[in-house]
């Protein structure tokens, strides 16, 4: 009975975390209505998130590491943090200046396919026929959703520009995951993520200070509200919930449950932002989720 209860609790935590993560694009699009751009909004999000991740790093640092941590490990945390949370987040925020929240989430959701490709490229891990078919399915689905956006009246130039930025975000995040494999056993997942987030936060603070200066504190109150809500409900809470949920049910079931993310974003974008939902978009989304689901399960 206790085992079943723990499993159900893990499922609920992962599901809740996935839905909360999916709200990030909604908060970004809402904030963009108040004449703020990517860099200052990202800096505000990191600013509100930083104390929580600093506390997590301090708490988990007191726990004995499974393996000794070297100066080279700290350097790799810095580099992977810049890739996975500075460049990836920056490219994501820029992309959302051009495309809607639904397609942003679908392109981001494809990152497991890039992990497979990079693992083959850098570590010569074989890609099976099933994985190759899943890769093709994923990108066919994305192409269908993009076609749906074009039919709905999206500008081809804006759609292409935004999609490229979001894809670069996925590339950076996939590189972060591939390169962090040997560091997580040393740090533990929570401590590693917290340190990577802190490194990325420092980079975006410097970026914002150089480009924004005092104007960072002159936006409409709504911008700070949405940045705060994004930090709490789309960054800190889902990170903790998903990490704890994976501890109870494992990574493979969590990956499958995470497929609810694109659907949640599409529904929230329809309800909150007024974005349209078409049959072609739903078809493409289903194909993307099928492809990524196969990749995730096969990878595990």
C-alpha atoms as a PDB file:
ATOM      1  CA  UNK A   1       0.000   0.000   0.000  1.00  0.00           C
ATOM      2  CA  UNK A   2       2.804   2.421   0.899  1.00  0.00           C
ATOM      3  CA  UNK A   3       4.553   1.645  -2.372  1.00  0.00           C
ATOM      4  CA  UNK A   4       1.378   2.370  -4.361  1.00  0.00           C
ATOM      5  CA  UNK A   5       0.837   5.602  -2.454  1.00  0.00           C
ATOM      6  CA  UNK A   6       4.406   6.728  -3.158  1.00  0.00           C
ATOM      7  CA  UNK A   7       3.957   5.900  -6.847  1.00  0.00           C
ATOM      8  CA  UNK A   8       0.705   7.886  -7.074  1.00  0.00           C
ATOM      9  CA  UNK A   9       2.320  10.792  -5.247  1.00  0.00           C
ATOM     10  CA  UNK A  10       5.252  10.711  -7.682  1.00  0.00           C
ATOM     11  CA  UNK A  11       2.917  10.719 -10.680  1.00  0.00           C
ATOM     12  CA  UNK A  12       0.982  13.692  -9.277  1.00  0.00           C
ATOM     13  CA  UNK A  13       4.195  15.621  -8.607  1.00  0.00           C
ATOM     14  CA  UNK A  14       5.602  15.002 -12.098  1.00  0.00           C
ATOM     15  CA  UNK A  15       2.261  15.838 -13.727  1.00  0.00           C
ATOM     16  CA  UNK A  16       1.904  19.045 -11.713  1.00  0.00           C
ATOM     17  CA  UNK A  17       5.498  20.012 -12.414  1.00  0.00           C
ATOM     18  CA  UNK A  18       5.090  19.439 -16.153  1.00  0.00           C
ATOM     19  CA  UNK A  19       1.973  21.629 -16.277  1.00  0.00           C
ATOM     20  CA  UNK A  20       3.688  24.375 -14.270  1.00  0.00           C
ATOM     21  CA  UNK A  21       6.740  24.276 -16.531  1.00  0.00           C
ATOM     22  CA  UNK A  22       4.372  24.661 -19.468  1.00  0.00           C
ATOM     23  CA  UNK A  23       3.085  27.969 -18.106  1.00  0.00           C
ATOM     24  CA  UNK A  24       6.457  29.685 -18.653  1.00  0.00           C
ATOM     25  CA  UNK A  25       5.679  30.719 -22.229  1.00  0.00           C
ATOM     26  CA  UNK A  26       2.315  32.099 -21.099  1.00  0.00           C
ATOM     27  CA  UNK A  27       3.928  34.385 -18.513  1.00  0.00           C
ATOM     28  CA  UNK A  28       6.511  35.512 -21.094  1.00  0.00           C
ATOM     29  CA  UNK A  29       3.870  36.383 -23.687  1.00  0.00           C
ATOM     30  CA  UNK A  30       1.811  38.237 -21.067  1.00  0.00           C
ATOM     31  CA  UNK A  31       4.852  40.258 -19.975  1.00  0.00           C
ATOM     32  CA  UNK A  32       5.703  41.127 -23.589  1.00  0.00           C
ATOM     33  CA  UNK A  33       2.465  43.096 -23.764  1.00  0.00           C
ATOM     34  CA  UNK A  34       4.125  45.744 -21.559  1.00  0.00           C
ATOM     35  CA  UNK A  35       7.043  46.748 -23.812  1.00  0.00           C
ATOM     36  CA  UNK A  36       9.689  44.540 -22.227  1.00  0.00           C
ATOM     37  CA  UNK A  37      12.166  42.489 -24.256  1.00  0.00           C
ATOM     38  CA  UNK A  38      13.966  39.191 -23.748  1.00  0.00           C
ATOM     39  CA  UNK A  39      17.078  40.215 -21.792  1.00  0.00           C
ATOM     40  CA  UNK A  40      15.479  42.299 -19.024  1.00  0.00           C
ATOM     41  CA  UNK A  41      12.601  39.852 -18.571  1.00  0.00           C
ATOM     42  CA  UNK A  42      15.020  36.927 -18.312  1.00  0.00           C
ATOM     43  CA  UNK A  43      17.154  38.880 -15.831  1.00  0.00           C
ATOM     44  CA  UNK A  44      14.099  39.535 -13.655  1.00  0.00           C
ATOM     45  CA  UNK A  45      13.095  35.872 -13.772  1.00  0.00           C
ATOM     46  CA  UNK A  46      16.610  34.808 -12.755  1.00  0.00           C
ATOM     47  CA  UNK A  47      16.704  37.488 -10.068  1.00  0.00           C
ATOM     48  CA  UNK A  48      13.566  36.180  -8.412  1.00  0.00           C
ATOM     49  CA  UNK A  49      14.733  32.557  -8.806  1.00  0.00           C
ATOM     50  CA  UNK A  50      18.315  33.018  -7.618  1.00  0.00           C
ATOM     51  CA  UNK A  51      17.706  32.999  -3.819  1.00  0.00           C
ATOM     52  CA  UNK A  52      15.830  29.691  -4.005  1.00  0.00           C
ATOM     53  CA  UNK A  53      18.528  27.975  -6.053  1.00  0.00           C
ATOM     54  CA  UNK A  54      21.260  29.413  -3.821  1.00  0.00           C
ATOM     55  CA  UNK A  55      19.465  27.936  -0.800  1.00  0.00           C
ATOM     56  CA  UNK A  56      19.116  24.574  -2.560  1.00  0.00           C
ATOM     57  CA  UNK A  57      22.826  24.563  -3.419  1.00  0.00           C
ATOM     58  CA  UNK A  58      23.734  25.348   0.186  1.00  0.00           C
ATOM     59  CA  UNK A  59      21.428  22.702   1.662  1.00  0.00           C
ATOM     60  CA  UNK A  60      22.569  19.921  -0.652  1.00  0.00           C
ATOM     61  CA  UNK A  61      26.216  20.918  -0.333  1.00  0.00           C
ATOM     62  CA  UNK A  62      26.152  19.763   3.278  1.00  0.00           C
ATOM     63  CA  UNK A  63      25.347  16.261   2.106  1.00  0.00           C
ATOM     64  CA  UNK A  64      28.318  14.083   1.310  1.00  0.00           C
ATOM     65  CA  UNK A  65      28.947  13.768  -2.435  1.00  0.00           C
ATOM     66  CA  UNK A  66      29.051  10.216  -3.831  1.00  0.00           C
ATOM     67  CA  UNK A  67      32.345  11.088  -5.570  1.00  0.00           C
ATOM     68  CA  UNK A  68      35.005  13.770  -4.938  1.00  0.00           C
ATOM     69  CA  UNK A  69      34.468  17.058  -6.807  1.00  0.00           C
ATOM     70  CA  UNK A  70      37.454  18.673  -8.502  1.00  0.00           C
ATOM     71  CA  UNK A  71      38.173  22.158  -9.798  1.00  0.00           C
ATOM     72  CA  UNK A  72      37.637  20.835 -13.309  1.00  0.00           C
ATOM     73  CA  UNK A  73      34.148  19.689 -12.281  1.00  0.00           C
ATOM     74  CA  UNK A  74      33.271  23.199 -11.131  1.00  0.00           C
ATOM     75  CA  UNK A  75      34.469  24.565 -14.480  1.00  0.00           C
ATOM     76  CA  UNK A  76      32.257  22.078 -16.322  1.00  0.00           C
ATOM     77  CA  UNK A  77      29.269  23.099 -14.171  1.00  0.00           C
ATOM     78  CA  UNK A  78      29.910  26.702 -15.176  1.00  0.00           C
ATOM     79  CA  UNK A  79      30.091  25.821 -18.879  1.00  0.00           C
ATOM     80  CA  UNK A  80      27.092  23.511 -18.880  1.00  0.00           C
ATOM     81  CA  UNK A  81      25.094  26.031 -16.861  1.00  0.00           C
ATOM     82  CA  UNK A  82      25.832  28.689 -19.462  1.00  0.00           C
ATOM     83  CA  UNK A  83      24.702  26.342 -22.236  1.00  0.00           C
ATOM     84  CA  UNK A  84      21.621  24.897 -20.557  1.00  0.00           C
ATOM     85  CA  UNK A  85      20.229  27.911 -18.736  1.00  0.00           C
ATOM     86  CA  UNK A  86      21.853  31.099 -20.039  1.00  0.00           C
ATOM     87  CA  UNK A  87      22.044  30.610 -23.811  1.00  0.00           C
ATOM     88  CA  UNK A  88      19.065  28.235 -23.934  1.00  0.00           C
ATOM     89  CA  UNK A  89      16.840  30.572 -21.899  1.00  0.00           C
ATOM     90  CA  UNK A  90      17.988  33.648 -23.808  1.00  0.00           C
ATOM     91  CA  UNK A  91      17.276  32.025 -27.186  1.00  0.00           C
ATOM     92  CA  UNK A  92      13.898  30.820 -25.909  1.00  0.00           C
ATOM     93  CA  UNK A  93      12.859  34.287 -24.724  1.00  0.00           C
ATOM     94  CA  UNK A  94      13.993  35.845 -28.012  1.00  0.00           C
ATOM     95  CA  UNK A  95      12.097  33.220 -30.008  1.00  0.00           C
ATOM     96  CA  UNK A  96       8.879  33.994 -28.163  1.00  0.00           C
ATOM     97  CA  UNK A  97       9.062  37.539 -29.480  1.00  0.00           C
ATOM     98  CA  UNK A  98       8.242  36.026 -32.898  1.00  0.00           C
ATOM     99  CA  UNK A  99       6.177  32.839 -32.460  1.00  0.00           C
ATOM    100  CA  UNK A 100       3.207  31.764 -30.384  1.00  0.00           C
ATOM    101  CA  UNK A 101       3.440  29.765 -27.179  1.00  0.00           C
ATOM    102  CA  UNK A 102       2.110  26.525 -28.665  1.00  0.00           C
ATOM    103  CA  UNK A 103       4.770  26.030 -31.321  1.00  0.00           C
ATOM    104  CA  UNK A 104       7.488  27.184 -28.905  1.00  0.00           C
ATOM    105  CA  UNK A 105       6.623  24.389 -26.521  1.00  0.00           C
ATOM    106  CA  UNK A 106       6.531  21.753 -29.253  1.00  0.00           C
ATOM    107  CA  UNK A 107       9.968  22.691 -30.600  1.00  0.00           C
ATOM    108  CA  UNK A 108      11.392  22.708 -27.074  1.00  0.00           C
ATOM    109  CA  UNK A 109       9.750  19.352 -26.391  1.00  0.00           C
ATOM    110  CA  UNK A 110      11.834  17.840 -29.195  1.00  0.00           C
ATOM    111  CA  UNK A 111      15.110  18.141 -27.242  1.00  0.00           C
ATOM    112  CA  UNK A 112      15.309  14.364 -26.484  1.00  0.00           C
ATOM    113  CA  UNK A 113      15.753  13.788 -30.216  1.00  0.00           C
ATOM    114  CA  UNK A 114      18.773  16.086 -30.163  1.00  0.00           C
ATOM    115  CA  UNK A 115      20.156  14.274 -27.116  1.00  0.00           C
ATOM    116  CA  UNK A 116      20.043  11.037 -29.135  1.00  0.00           C
ATOM    117  CA  UNK A 117      21.723  12.702 -32.121  1.00  0.00           C
ATOM    118  CA  UNK A 118      24.465  14.287 -30.004  1.00  0.00           C
ATOM    119  CA  UNK A 119      25.053  11.022 -28.147  1.00  0.00           C
ATOM    120  CA  UNK A 120      25.579   9.353 -31.530  1.00  0.00           C
ATOM    121  CA  UNK A 121      27.789  12.179 -32.791  1.00  0.00           C
ATOM    122  CA  UNK A 122      30.006  12.586 -29.717  1.00  0.00           C
ATOM    123  CA  UNK A 123      29.896   9.170 -28.048  1.00  0.00           C
ATOM    124  CA  UNK A 124      29.074   6.910 -31.016  1.00  0.00           C
ATOM    125  CA  UNK A 125      25.949   5.552 -29.346  1.00  0.00           C
ATOM    126  CA  UNK A 126      24.004   3.608 -31.937  1.00  0.00           C
ATOM    127  CA  UNK A 127      20.650   4.926 -33.179  1.00  0.00           C
ATOM    128  CA  UNK A 128      18.213   2.051 -33.633  1.00  0.00           C
ATOM    129  CA  UNK A 129      15.665   1.848 -36.438  1.00  0.00           C
ATOM    130  CA  UNK A 130      12.869   2.610 -33.988  1.00  0.00           C
ATOM    131  CA  UNK A 131      14.704   5.702 -32.758  1.00  0.00           C
ATOM    132  CA  UNK A 132      15.372   6.827 -36.340  1.00  0.00           C
ATOM    133  CA  UNK A 133      11.670   6.473 -37.150  1.00  0.00           C
ATOM    134  CA  UNK A 134      10.781   8.416 -33.988  1.00  0.00           C
ATOM    135  CA  UNK A 135      13.197  11.192 -34.997  1.00  0.00           C
ATOM    136  CA  UNK A 136      11.514  11.454 -38.389  1.00  0.00           C
ATOM    137  CA  UNK A 137       8.054  11.455 -36.792  1.00  0.00           C
ATOM    138  CA  UNK A 138       8.989  14.276 -34.418  1.00  0.00           C
ATOM    139  CA  UNK A 139      10.173  16.646 -37.112  1.00  0.00           C
ATOM    140  CA  UNK A 140       7.306  15.765 -39.451  1.00  0.00           C
ATOM    141  CA  UNK A 141       4.961  16.733 -36.608  1.00  0.00           C
ATOM    142  CA  UNK A 142       6.747  20.061 -36.087  1.00  0.00           C
ATOM    143  CA  UNK A 143       6.512  20.776 -39.831  1.00  0.00           C
ATOM    144  CA  UNK A 144       2.757  20.086 -39.730  1.00  0.00           C
ATOM    145  CA  UNK A 145       2.271  22.498 -36.808  1.00  0.00           C
ATOM    146  CA  UNK A 146       4.290  25.183 -38.602  1.00  0.00           C
ATOM    147  CA  UNK A 147       2.109  24.689 -41.671  1.00  0.00           C
ATOM    148  CA  UNK A 148      -0.944  25.115 -39.438  1.00  0.00           C
ATOM    149  CA  UNK A 149       0.452  28.422 -38.140  1.00  0.00           C
ATOM    150  CA  UNK A 150       1.052  29.654 -41.679  1.00  0.00           C
ATOM    151  CA  UNK A 151      -2.521  28.810 -42.651  1.00  0.00           C
ATOM    152  CA  UNK A 152      -3.735  30.690 -39.564  1.00  0.00           C
ATOM    153  CA  UNK A 153      -2.024  33.844 -40.844  1.00  0.00           C
ATOM    154  CA  UNK A 154       1.405  33.819 -39.191  1.00  0.00           C
ATOM    155  CA  UNK A 155       4.119  35.734 -41.023  1.00  0.00           C
ATOM    156  CA  UNK A 156       6.511  33.269 -42.726  1.00  0.00           C
ATOM    157  CA  UNK A 157       9.504  35.434 -41.810  1.00  0.00           C
ATOM    158  CA  UNK A 158       8.529  35.732 -38.146  1.00  0.00           C
ATOM    159  CA  UNK A 159       7.648  32.040 -37.908  1.00  0.00           C
ATOM    160  CA  UNK A 160      10.996  31.007 -39.386  1.00  0.00           C
ATOM    161  CA  UNK A 161      12.987  33.465 -37.256  1.00  0.00           C
ATOM    162  CA  UNK A 162      11.271  32.476 -34.022  1.00  0.00           C
ATOM    163  CA  UNK A 163      11.485  28.758 -34.803  1.00  0.00           C
ATOM    164  CA  UNK A 164      15.230  29.008 -35.443  1.00  0.00           C
ATOM    165  CA  UNK A 165      15.770  30.745 -32.099  1.00  0.00           C
ATOM    166  CA  UNK A 166      13.692  28.137 -30.269  1.00  0.00           C
ATOM    167  CA  UNK A 167      15.517  25.319 -32.038  1.00  0.00           C
ATOM    168  CA  UNK A 168      18.849  26.834 -30.961  1.00  0.00           C
ATOM    169  CA  UNK A 169      17.467  26.813 -27.430  1.00  0.00           C
ATOM    170  CA  UNK A 170      16.748  23.082 -27.773  1.00  0.00           C
ATOM    171  CA  UNK A 171      20.262  22.500 -29.126  1.00  0.00           C
ATOM    172  CA  UNK A 172      21.846  24.279 -26.148  1.00  0.00           C
ATOM    173  CA  UNK A 173      19.687  22.387 -23.652  1.00  0.00           C
ATOM    174  CA  UNK A 174      20.432  19.044 -25.314  1.00  0.00           C
ATOM    175  CA  UNK A 175      24.166  19.801 -25.191  1.00  0.00           C
ATOM    176  CA  UNK A 176      23.740  20.622 -21.506  1.00  0.00           C
ATOM    177  CA  UNK A 177      22.105  17.254 -20.850  1.00  0.00           C
ATOM    178  CA  UNK A 178      24.642  15.267 -22.866  1.00  0.00           C
ATOM    179  CA  UNK A 179      27.638  16.967 -21.253  1.00  0.00           C
ATOM    180  CA  UNK A 180      26.286  16.795 -17.704  1.00  0.00           C
ATOM    181  CA  UNK A 181      25.980  13.014 -17.533  1.00  0.00           C
ATOM    182  CA  UNK A 182      29.231  12.499 -15.622  1.00  0.00           C
ATOM    183  CA  UNK A 183      28.618  15.441 -13.255  1.00  0.00           C
ATOM    184  CA  UNK A 184      25.195  14.523 -11.867  1.00  0.00           C
ATOM    185  CA  UNK A 185      26.484  11.376 -10.069  1.00  0.00           C
ATOM    186  CA  UNK A 186      29.082  13.555  -8.334  1.00  0.00           C
ATOM    187  CA  UNK A 187      26.818  16.418  -7.326  1.00  0.00           C
ATOM    188  CA  UNK A 188      23.372  14.867  -7.167  1.00  0.00           C
ATOM    189  CA  UNK A 189      20.670  16.172  -9.516  1.00  0.00           C
ATOM    190  CA  UNK A 190      19.284  18.941  -7.278  1.00  0.00           C
ATOM    191  CA  UNK A 191      22.647  20.369  -6.278  1.00  0.00           C
ATOM    192  CA  UNK A 192      23.922  20.184  -9.839  1.00  0.00           C
ATOM    193  CA  UNK A 193      20.866  21.959 -11.254  1.00  0.00           C
ATOM    194  CA  UNK A 194      21.055  24.638  -8.554  1.00  0.00           C
ATOM    195  CA  UNK A 195      24.716  25.363  -9.286  1.00  0.00           C
ATOM    196  CA  UNK A 196      24.107  25.440 -13.035  1.00  0.00           C
ATOM    197  CA  UNK A 197      21.203  27.856 -12.555  1.00  0.00           C
ATOM    198  CA  UNK A 198      23.351  30.116 -10.377  1.00  0.00           C
ATOM    199  CA  UNK A 199      26.090  30.228 -13.031  1.00  0.00           C
ATOM    200  CA  UNK A 200      23.517  31.104 -15.689  1.00  0.00           C
ATOM    201  CA  UNK A 201      21.970  33.743 -13.424  1.00  0.00           C
ATOM    202  CA  UNK A 202      25.330  35.458 -12.959  1.00  0.00           C
ATOM    203  CA  UNK A 203      25.790  35.563 -16.753  1.00  0.00           C
ATOM    204  CA  UNK A 204      22.386  37.076 -17.432  1.00  0.00           C
ATOM    205  CA  UNK A 205      22.841  39.630 -14.626  1.00  0.00           C
ATOM    206  CA  UNK A 206      26.067  40.796 -16.272  1.00  0.00           C
ATOM    207  CA  UNK A 207      24.368  40.808 -19.686  1.00  0.00           C
ATOM    208  CA  UNK A 208      21.461  42.892 -18.390  1.00  0.00           C
ATOM    209  CA  UNK A 209      23.730  45.310 -16.517  1.00  0.00           C
ATOM    210  CA  UNK A 210      25.747  45.975 -19.667  1.00  0.00           C
ATOM    211  CA  UNK A 211      22.764  46.369 -21.994  1.00  0.00           C
ATOM    212  CA  UNK A 212      19.924  47.624 -19.799  1.00  0.00           C
ATOM    213  CA  UNK A 213      21.492  49.502 -16.890  1.00  0.00           C
ATOM    214  CA  UNK A 214      19.032  51.403 -14.716  1.00  0.00           C
ATOM    215  CA  UNK A 215      16.195  50.828 -17.184  1.00  0.00           C
ATOM    216  CA  UNK A 216      15.829  47.352 -15.702  1.00  0.00           C
ATOM    217  CA  UNK A 217      13.910  48.999 -12.862  1.00  0.00           C
ATOM    218  CA  UNK A 218      11.625  51.218 -14.930  1.00  0.00           C
ATOM    219  CA  UNK A 219       9.090  48.784 -16.383  1.00  0.00           C
ATOM    220  CA  UNK A 220       5.380  48.557 -15.685  1.00  0.00           C
ATOM    221  CA  UNK A 221       4.438  46.793 -12.417  1.00  0.00           C
ATOM    222  CA  UNK A 222       2.859  43.966 -14.423  1.00  0.00           C
ATOM    223  CA  UNK A 223       6.281  43.016 -15.835  1.00  0.00           C
ATOM    224  CA  UNK A 224       7.692  42.396 -12.346  1.00  0.00           C
ATOM    225  CA  UNK A 225       4.553  40.518 -11.333  1.00  0.00           C
ATOM    226  CA  UNK A 226       4.753  38.150 -14.311  1.00  0.00           C
ATOM    227  CA  UNK A 227       8.508  37.700 -13.817  1.00  0.00           C
ATOM    228  CA  UNK A 228       7.914  36.791 -10.167  1.00  0.00           C
ATOM    229  CA  UNK A 229       5.101  34.368 -11.007  1.00  0.00           C
ATOM    230  CA  UNK A 230       7.272  32.812 -13.710  1.00  0.00           C
ATOM    231  CA  UNK A 231      10.139  32.370 -11.239  1.00  0.00           C
ATOM    232  CA  UNK A 232       7.960  30.733  -8.592  1.00  0.00           C
ATOM    233  CA  UNK A 233       5.431  28.717 -10.583  1.00  0.00           C
ATOM    234  CA  UNK A 234       7.313  28.007 -13.831  1.00  0.00           C
ATOM    235  CA  UNK A 235      10.864  27.616 -12.512  1.00  0.00           C
ATOM    236  CA  UNK A 236      11.359  26.840  -8.809  1.00  0.00           C
ATOM    237  CA  UNK A 237       8.286  24.759  -7.941  1.00  0.00           C
ATOM    238  CA  UNK A 238       8.296  22.541 -11.051  1.00  0.00           C
ATOM    239  CA  UNK A 239      12.036  21.893 -10.676  1.00  0.00           C
ATOM    240  CA  UNK A 240      11.481  20.584  -7.152  1.00  0.00           C
ATOM    241  CA  UNK A 241       8.283  18.692  -7.975  1.00  0.00           C
ATOM    242  CA  UNK A 242       9.723  16.871 -10.984  1.00  0.00           C
ATOM    243  CA  UNK A 243      12.979  16.030  -9.188  1.00  0.00           C
ATOM    244  CA  UNK A 244      11.033  14.560  -6.288  1.00  0.00           C
ATOM    245  CA  UNK A 245       8.597  12.785  -8.605  1.00  0.00           C
ATOM    246  CA  UNK A 246      11.431  11.142 -10.564  1.00  0.00           C
ATOM    247  CA  UNK A 247      12.855   9.888  -7.271  1.00  0.00           C
ATOM    248  CA  UNK A 248       9.598   7.982  -6.666  1.00  0.00           C
ATOM    249  CA  UNK A 249       8.683   6.693 -10.135  1.00  0.00           C
ATOM    250  CA  UNK A 250      11.883   6.855 -12.219  1.00  0.00           C
ATOM    251  CA  UNK A 251      12.918   8.832 -15.286  1.00  0.00           C
ATOM    252  CA  UNK A 252      11.140   6.766 -17.964  1.00  0.00           C
ATOM    253  CA  UNK A 253       7.593   7.112 -16.541  1.00  0.00           C
ATOM    254  CA  UNK A 254       8.329  10.774 -15.816  1.00  0.00           C
ATOM    255  CA  UNK A 255       9.274  11.312 -19.465  1.00  0.00           C
ATOM    256  CA  UNK A 256       5.968   9.834 -20.605  1.00  0.00           C
ATOM    257  CA  UNK A 257       3.971  11.930 -18.132  1.00  0.00           C
ATOM    258  CA  UNK A 258       5.906  14.996 -19.275  1.00  0.00           C
ATOM    259  CA  UNK A 259       4.223  14.637 -22.665  1.00  0.00           C
ATOM    260  CA  UNK A 260       1.311  16.524 -21.132  1.00  0.00           C
ATOM    261  CA  UNK A 261       3.466  19.674 -21.373  1.00  0.00           C
ATOM    262  CA  UNK A 262       2.765  20.707 -24.986  1.00  0.00           C
ATOM    263  CA  UNK A 263      -0.944  19.992 -24.575  1.00  0.00           C
ATOM    264  CA  UNK A 264      -1.064  22.099 -21.414  1.00  0.00           C
ATOM    265  CA  UNK A 265       0.716  24.980 -23.152  1.00  0.00           C
ATOM    266  CA  UNK A 266      -1.626  24.858 -26.153  1.00  0.00           C
ATOM    267  CA  UNK A 267      -4.697  24.870 -23.892  1.00  0.00           C
ATOM    268  CA  UNK A 268      -3.358  27.675 -21.666  1.00  0.00           C
ATOM    269  CA  UNK A 269      -2.391  29.723 -24.728  1.00  0.00           C
ATOM    270  CA  UNK A 270      -5.936  29.309 -26.052  1.00  0.00           C
ATOM    271  CA  UNK A 271      -7.561  30.209 -22.725  1.00  0.00           C
ATOM    272  CA  UNK A 272      -5.249  33.034 -21.615  1.00  0.00           C
ATOM    273  CA  UNK A 273      -3.694  34.453 -24.786  1.00  0.00           C
ATOM    274  CA  UNK A 274      -6.475  33.751 -27.267  1.00  0.00           C
ATOM    275  CA  UNK A 275      -4.296  31.657 -29.573  1.00  0.00           C
ATOM    276  CA  UNK A 276      -6.218  29.479 -32.028  1.00  0.00           C
ATOM    277  CA  UNK A 277      -6.366  25.692 -31.937  1.00  0.00           C
ATOM    278  CA  UNK A 278      -6.755  23.864 -35.264  1.00  0.00           C
ATOM    279  CA  UNK A 279      -7.160  20.214 -36.190  1.00  0.00           C
ATOM    280  CA  UNK A 280      -3.863  20.357 -38.107  1.00  0.00           C
ATOM    281  CA  UNK A 281      -2.096  21.735 -35.034  1.00  0.00           C
ATOM    282  CA  UNK A 282      -3.500  18.957 -32.847  1.00  0.00           C
ATOM    283  CA  UNK A 283      -2.462  16.327 -35.412  1.00  0.00           C
ATOM    284  CA  UNK A 284       1.085  17.682 -35.589  1.00  0.00           C
ATOM    285  CA  UNK A 285       1.290  17.925 -31.800  1.00  0.00           C
ATOM    286  CA  UNK A 286       0.166  14.315 -31.412  1.00  0.00           C
ATOM    287  CA  UNK A 287       2.829  13.160 -33.898  1.00  0.00           C
ATOM    288  CA  UNK A 288       5.541  15.130 -32.066  1.00  0.00           C
ATOM    289  CA  UNK A 289       4.517  13.681 -28.691  1.00  0.00           C
ATOM    290  CA  UNK A 290       4.479  10.170 -30.146  1.00  0.00           C
ATOM    291  CA  UNK A 291       7.955  10.585 -31.599  1.00  0.00           C
ATOM    292  CA  UNK A 292       9.436  12.052 -28.428  1.00  0.00           C
ATOM    293  CA  UNK A 293       7.664   9.439 -26.303  1.00  0.00           C
ATOM    294  CA  UNK A 294       9.233   6.611 -28.311  1.00  0.00           C
ATOM    295  CA  UNK A 295      12.664   8.258 -28.064  1.00  0.00           C
ATOM    296  CA  UNK A 296      12.331   8.744 -24.296  1.00  0.00           C
ATOM    297  CA  UNK A 297      11.193   5.182 -23.579  1.00  0.00           C
ATOM    298  CA  UNK A 298      13.754   3.627 -25.938  1.00  0.00           C
ATOM    299  CA  UNK A 299      16.524   5.763 -24.412  1.00  0.00           C
ATOM    300  CA  UNK A 300      15.681   4.519 -20.924  1.00  0.00           C
END
